[in-house]
Amino acid sequence: MLASKEMMKFKSYQNRANVFVKEYLLADPLIPYTSIVGGIFAFKMVYDLTQLFSAVHFKSYSSLTRIQRVEWNNRAMSTIHAIFITTMSLYLVFCSNLFSDNKSSELVTFQSSSLSTFSLGVSVGYFIADLGMIIWFFPSLGGYEYVVHHLISLIAVAFSMLSGEGQLYTYMVLISETTTPGINLRWYLDAAGMKKTKAYIINGVVIFIAWLVARVLLFVYMFYHVYLHFDQVEQMHTLGQVLVIVVPLVLSIMNLVWFSKIIKGLRKTLAKRQ
């Protein structure tokens, strides 16, 4: 009898919590703001948990300098964000019907949903947190190119989230985060003294392939898609039009510059193995 009453109380609290989440935290007008705040706190938690976990389970962590430990924790943040936003981007762009051309009632440049807006909000939260760390520890976590990259990404993602415009192209660009876990793993291998291992070489090859697909070829496809739907792009807000064209263009140039460095680094690594 007592157990039954406790169960009823638990279900009552659960129902209240569900109502609170649905009607307040995830209510359409509040989604952008709750997701941003939630994203900031979530990635701060990832940072703290990484610090605690690494101190116990990785011997090399304690031998790192203070700024290296900060970067170690920071890269865990970016890895989790990359996994999250890449998964959501691939699902929304290629698996769902959200951005389908078959929706005759709405232009593809104006299609959005609560889920797509929420996911962008989480990403905005990450960019705010990471940009704050980059500026605070500047230039230890990245130079001006990282500041520029994060600023334009933050502006573009935030606009798309708040306006609901151009979310398809925002998610296409965010698929490029696929390469982030590999880049971070490469840094971890280097920090752990595993630069001369086979894992380091395999990692370099994987980064090369992933970068080619996600940050070069995918951008070509995105520009082609914009070209095919340019009449719809023209109906967006002026700022939205600029962001859809200029931001991917700037990022693609940066990607090509970084890609050339990846090729040089891979060649250098392979040459040493011969």
Protein backbone atom coordinates (compact mmCIF):
# COMPACT_ATOMS: atom_id res chain seq x y z
CA MET A 1 0.00 0.00 0.00
CA LEU A 2 2.80 2.36 0.99
CA ALA A 3 4.75 1.48 -2.14
CA SER A 4 1.67 2.20 -4.24
CA LYS A 5 1.28 5.66 -2.70
CA GLU A 6 4.95 6.42 -3.25
CA MET A 7 4.62 5.36 -6.87
CA MET A 8 1.59 7.62 -7.34
CA LYS A 9 3.52 10.54 -5.84
CA PHE A 10 6.45 9.85 -8.12
CA LYS A 11 4.19 9.76 -11.19
CA SER A 12 2.56 12.99 -10.06
CA TYR A 13 5.92 14.74 -9.80
CA GLN A 14 6.95 13.24 -13.13
CA ASN A 15 3.83 14.57 -14.83
CA ARG A 16 4.39 18.02 -13.36
CA ALA A 17 7.98 17.97 -14.56
CA ASN A 18 6.88 16.96 -18.05
CA VAL A 19 4.32 19.76 -18.14
CA PHE A 20 6.94 22.26 -16.95
CA VAL A 21 9.41 21.16 -19.63
CA LYS A 22 6.86 21.13 -22.47
CA GLU A 23 4.95 24.30 -21.59
CA TYR A 24 7.80 26.44 -20.32
CA LEU A 25 11.32 25.25 -21.09
CA LEU A 26 10.47 23.89 -24.55
CA ALA A 27 7.64 26.25 -25.43
CA ASP A 28 8.28 27.56 -28.95
CA PRO A 29 9.01 31.19 -27.97
CA LEU A 30 11.47 30.09 -25.27
CA ILE A 31 13.31 27.32 -27.11
CA PRO A 32 16.12 29.55 -28.42
CA TYR A 33 16.89 30.93 -24.97
CA THR A 34 16.54 27.76 -22.93
CA SER A 35 18.64 25.83 -25.43
CA ILE A 36 21.41 28.44 -25.37
CA VAL A 37 21.54 28.53 -21.57
CA GLY A 38 21.28 24.76 -21.43
CA GLY A 39 24.08 24.44 -23.97
CA ILE A 40 26.40 26.71 -22.00
CA PHE A 41 25.80 24.81 -18.76
CA ALA A 42 26.04 21.43 -20.48
CA PHE A 43 29.43 22.16 -22.01
CA LYS A 44 30.69 23.69 -18.77
CA MET A 45 29.71 20.41 -17.12
CA VAL A 46 31.57 18.46 -19.82
CA TYR A 47 34.65 20.58 -19.12
CA ASP A 48 34.49 19.92 -15.38
CA LEU A 49 33.78 16.20 -15.75
CA THR A 50 36.66 15.84 -18.20
CA GLN A 51 38.96 17.47 -15.69
CA LEU A 52 37.89 15.08 -12.93
CA PHE A 53 37.90 11.97 -15.13
CA SER A 54 41.24 12.70 -16.79
CA ALA A 55 43.01 13.39 -13.51
CA VAL A 56 42.09 9.90 -12.32
CA HIS A 57 42.31 7.79 -15.48
CA PHE A 58 45.06 9.38 -17.60
CA LYS A 59 48.59 9.39 -16.19
CA SER A 60 49.82 11.87 -18.80
CA TYR A 61 47.22 14.44 -17.71
CA SER A 62 49.02 15.33 -14.49
CA SER A 63 52.29 15.90 -16.34
CA LEU A 64 50.76 18.52 -18.62
CA THR A 65 51.18 22.22 -18.03
CA ARG A 66 48.22 24.23 -16.74
CA ILE A 67 47.34 25.61 -20.16
CA GLN A 68 47.67 22.14 -21.72
CA ARG A 69 45.20 20.78 -19.19
CA VAL A 70 42.84 23.62 -20.05
CA GLU A 71 43.14 22.75 -23.73
CA TRP A 72 42.67 19.05 -22.94
CA ASN A 73 39.37 19.82 -21.21
CA ASN A 74 38.37 22.34 -23.86
CA ARG A 75 38.86 19.81 -26.64
CA ALA A 76 36.56 17.40 -24.84
CA MET A 77 33.90 20.12 -24.99
CA SER A 78 34.38 20.60 -28.71
CA THR A 79 34.33 16.84 -29.32
CA ILE A 80 31.01 16.38 -27.54
CA HIS A 81 29.55 19.36 -29.40
CA ALA A 82 30.83 18.00 -32.71
CA ILE A 83 29.27 14.59 -32.11
CA PHE A 84 25.96 16.16 -31.08
CA ILE A 85 25.64 18.72 -33.86
CA THR A 86 26.95 16.39 -36.58
CA THR A 87 24.39 13.76 -35.60
CA MET A 88 21.58 16.31 -35.61
CA SER A 89 22.76 17.86 -38.88
CA LEU A 90 22.98 14.56 -40.72
CA TYR A 91 19.57 13.53 -39.43
CA LEU A 92 17.82 16.80 -40.24
CA VAL A 93 19.44 17.30 -43.66
CA PHE A 94 19.47 13.77 -45.04
CA CYS A 95 17.13 11.59 -42.96
CA SER A 96 14.18 13.78 -42.03
CA ASN A 97 11.71 15.45 -44.39
CA LEU A 98 12.12 18.84 -42.73
CA PHE A 99 14.03 20.41 -45.60
CA SER A 100 12.35 18.49 -48.39
CA ASP A 101 11.66 20.24 -51.69
CA ASN A 102 8.38 18.35 -51.83
CA LYS A 103 6.87 20.66 -49.24
CA SER A 104 5.00 22.90 -51.62
CA SER A 105 3.52 25.02 -48.83
CA GLU A 106 6.83 26.42 -47.63
CA LEU A 107 10.10 27.48 -49.20
CA VAL A 108 13.11 25.36 -48.27
CA THR A 109 14.88 28.46 -46.96
CA PHE A 110 12.13 29.05 -44.39
CA GLN A 111 11.64 25.51 -43.13
CA SER A 112 12.37 24.85 -39.46
CA SER A 113 11.08 22.94 -36.45
CA SER A 114 11.31 23.00 -32.67
CA LEU A 115 13.98 20.30 -32.83
CA SER A 116 16.09 22.13 -35.41
CA THR A 117 15.83 25.40 -33.49
CA PHE A 118 16.68 23.70 -30.20
CA SER A 119 19.75 22.02 -31.69
CA LEU A 120 21.01 25.30 -33.10
CA GLY A 121 20.51 26.90 -29.68
CA VAL A 122 22.69 24.25 -28.06
CA SER A 123 25.32 24.96 -30.70
CA VAL A 124 25.10 28.70 -30.02
CA GLY A 125 25.64 27.92 -26.33
CA TYR A 126 28.76 25.97 -27.23
CA PHE A 127 30.18 28.71 -29.46
CA ILE A 128 29.60 31.29 -26.72
CA ALA A 129 31.33 29.12 -24.12
CA ASP A 130 34.22 28.19 -26.40
CA LEU A 131 34.71 31.71 -27.74
CA GLY A 132 34.80 32.98 -24.18
CA MET A 133 37.56 30.51 -23.35
CA ILE A 134 39.53 31.34 -26.50
CA ILE A 135 39.45 35.05 -25.67
CA TRP A 136 40.18 34.48 -21.96
CA PHE A 137 43.24 32.33 -22.67
CA PHE A 138 44.19 34.07 -25.93
CA PRO A 139 46.23 33.03 -27.82
CA SER A 140 46.85 29.70 -26.08
CA LEU A 141 43.67 28.01 -27.36
CA GLY A 142 43.82 29.54 -30.83
CA GLY A 143 44.82 32.65 -32.71
CA TYR A 144 42.79 35.25 -34.53
CA GLU A 145 41.62 32.74 -37.13
CA TYR A 146 39.80 30.82 -34.40
CA VAL A 147 38.21 34.01 -33.09
CA VAL A 148 37.04 34.91 -36.61
CA HIS A 149 35.79 31.36 -37.22
CA HIS A 150 33.80 31.29 -33.98
CA LEU A 151 32.41 34.80 -34.38
CA ILE A 152 31.02 34.29 -37.87
CA SER A 153 29.77 30.82 -36.92
CA LEU A 154 28.06 32.25 -33.84
CA ILE A 155 26.40 35.06 -35.80
CA ALA A 156 25.23 32.75 -38.59
CA VAL A 157 23.89 30.03 -36.29
CA ALA A 158 22.21 32.54 -33.96
CA PHE A 159 20.49 34.32 -36.85
CA SER A 160 19.25 31.05 -38.30
CA MET A 161 18.01 29.94 -34.90
CA LEU A 162 16.16 33.17 -34.08
CA SER A 163 14.72 33.85 -37.54
CA GLY A 164 14.11 30.29 -38.70
CA GLU A 165 15.64 31.24 -42.05
CA GLY A 166 18.31 29.28 -43.89
CA GLN A 167 18.49 26.48 -41.35
CA LEU A 168 19.13 23.94 -44.10
CA TYR A 169 22.35 25.69 -45.13
CA THR A 170 23.34 26.25 -41.52
CA TYR A 171 23.11 22.54 -40.88
CA MET A 172 24.99 21.74 -44.08
CA VAL A 173 27.86 23.88 -42.83
CA LEU A 174 27.66 22.35 -39.35
CA ILE A 175 28.16 18.88 -40.82
CA SER A 176 31.77 20.00 -41.22
CA GLU A 177 32.10 19.48 -37.45
CA THR A 178 32.53 15.81 -38.40
CA THR A 179 36.25 16.48 -38.59
CA THR A 180 36.55 17.90 -35.07
CA PRO A 181 36.79 14.62 -33.10
CA GLY A 182 39.64 13.45 -35.34
CA ILE A 183 41.50 16.74 -34.97
CA ASN A 184 41.10 16.61 -31.20
CA LEU A 185 42.18 12.97 -31.06
CA ARG A 186 45.33 13.94 -32.94
CA TRP A 187 46.11 16.54 -30.29
CA TYR A 188 45.46 14.01 -27.51
CA LEU A 189 47.79 11.47 -29.14
CA ASP A 190 50.48 14.12 -29.42
CA ALA A 191 50.00 15.22 -25.80
CA ALA A 192 50.19 11.60 -24.65
CA GLY A 193 53.50 11.08 -26.46
CA MET A 194 52.03 8.83 -29.15
CA LYS A 195 53.09 10.88 -32.16
CA LYS A 196 55.22 8.08 -33.60
CA THR A 197 52.58 5.37 -33.31
CA LYS A 198 50.52 3.75 -36.05
CA ALA A 199 47.38 5.23 -34.47
CA TYR A 200 48.73 8.71 -35.17
CA ILE A 201 49.24 7.90 -38.86
CA ILE A 202 45.80 6.31 -39.21
CA ASN A 203 44.32 9.35 -37.52
CA GLY A 204 46.01 11.61 -40.07
CA VAL A 205 44.60 9.63 -42.99
CA VAL A 206 41.09 9.67 -41.48
CA ILE A 207 41.30 13.43 -40.95
CA PHE A 208 42.37 13.91 -44.57
CA ILE A 209 39.41 11.90 -45.90
CA ALA A 210 36.89 13.44 -43.50
CA TRP A 211 38.12 16.96 -44.26
CA LEU A 212 37.95 16.37 -48.00
CA VAL A 213 34.36 15.12 -47.77
CA ALA A 214 32.91 17.34 -45.03
CA ARG A 215 34.79 20.59 -45.53
CA VAL A 216 35.55 20.64 -49.25
CA LEU A 217 33.14 18.49 -51.28
CA LEU A 218 30.14 19.17 -49.04
CA PHE A 219 30.67 22.92 -49.40
CA VAL A 220 30.72 22.52 -53.18
CA TYR A 221 27.40 20.68 -52.94
CA MET A 222 26.00 23.39 -50.66
CA PHE A 223 26.94 26.18 -53.08
CA TYR A 224 25.33 24.18 -55.88
CA HIS A 225 22.17 23.79 -53.79
CA VAL A 226 22.13 27.54 -53.12
CA TYR A 227 22.48 28.15 -56.86
CA LEU A 228 19.52 25.88 -57.64
CA HIS A 229 17.37 27.55 -54.97
CA PHE A 230 18.65 31.10 -55.35
CA ASP A 231 15.15 32.40 -56.06
CA GLN A 232 14.20 31.21 -52.57
CA VAL A 233 17.37 32.59 -51.02
CA GLU A 234 16.48 36.01 -52.44
CA GLN A 235 13.28 36.00 -50.40
CA MET A 236 15.22 35.77 -47.15
CA HIS A 237 16.09 38.76 -45.00
CA THR A 238 19.05 40.71 -46.41
CA LEU A 239 21.25 39.65 -43.50
CA GLY A 240 20.19 36.06 -44.07
CA GLN A 241 21.17 36.27 -47.73
CA VAL A 242 24.58 37.64 -46.79
CA LEU A 243 25.12 34.93 -44.19
CA VAL A 244 24.07 32.13 -46.55
CA ILE A 245 26.55 33.28 -49.19
CA VAL A 246 29.39 35.06 -47.38
CA VAL A 247 29.82 32.88 -44.27
CA PRO A 248 30.18 29.55 -46.15
CA LEU A 249 32.48 31.30 -48.62
CA VAL A 250 34.77 32.58 -45.86
CA LEU A 251 34.69 29.23 -44.08
CA SER A 252 35.43 27.35 -47.29
CA ILE A 253 38.51 29.52 -47.88
CA MET A 254 39.67 28.85 -44.32
CA ASN A 255 38.96 25.15 -44.81
CA LEU A 256 41.08 25.06 -47.96
CA VAL A 257 43.96 26.80 -46.19
CA TRP A 258 43.76 24.33 -43.30
CA PHE A 259 43.38 21.45 -45.78
CA SER A 260 46.66 22.39 -47.42
CA LYS A 261 48.32 22.26 -43.99
CA ILE A 262 46.77 18.84 -43.35
CA ILE A 263 48.18 17.55 -46.65
CA LYS A 264 51.64 18.90 -45.81
CA GLY A 265 51.50 17.40 -42.34
CA LEU A 266 50.35 14.02 -43.64
CA ARG A 267 53.10 13.97 -46.26
CA LYS A 268 55.68 14.83 -43.62
CA THR A 269 54.45 12.09 -41.29
CA LEU A 270 54.38 9.46 -44.03
CA ALA A 271 57.85 10.48 -45.24
CA LYS A 272 59.27 9.90 -41.76
CA ARG A 273 57.82 6.38 -41.70
CA GLN A 274 59.58 5.37 -44.90
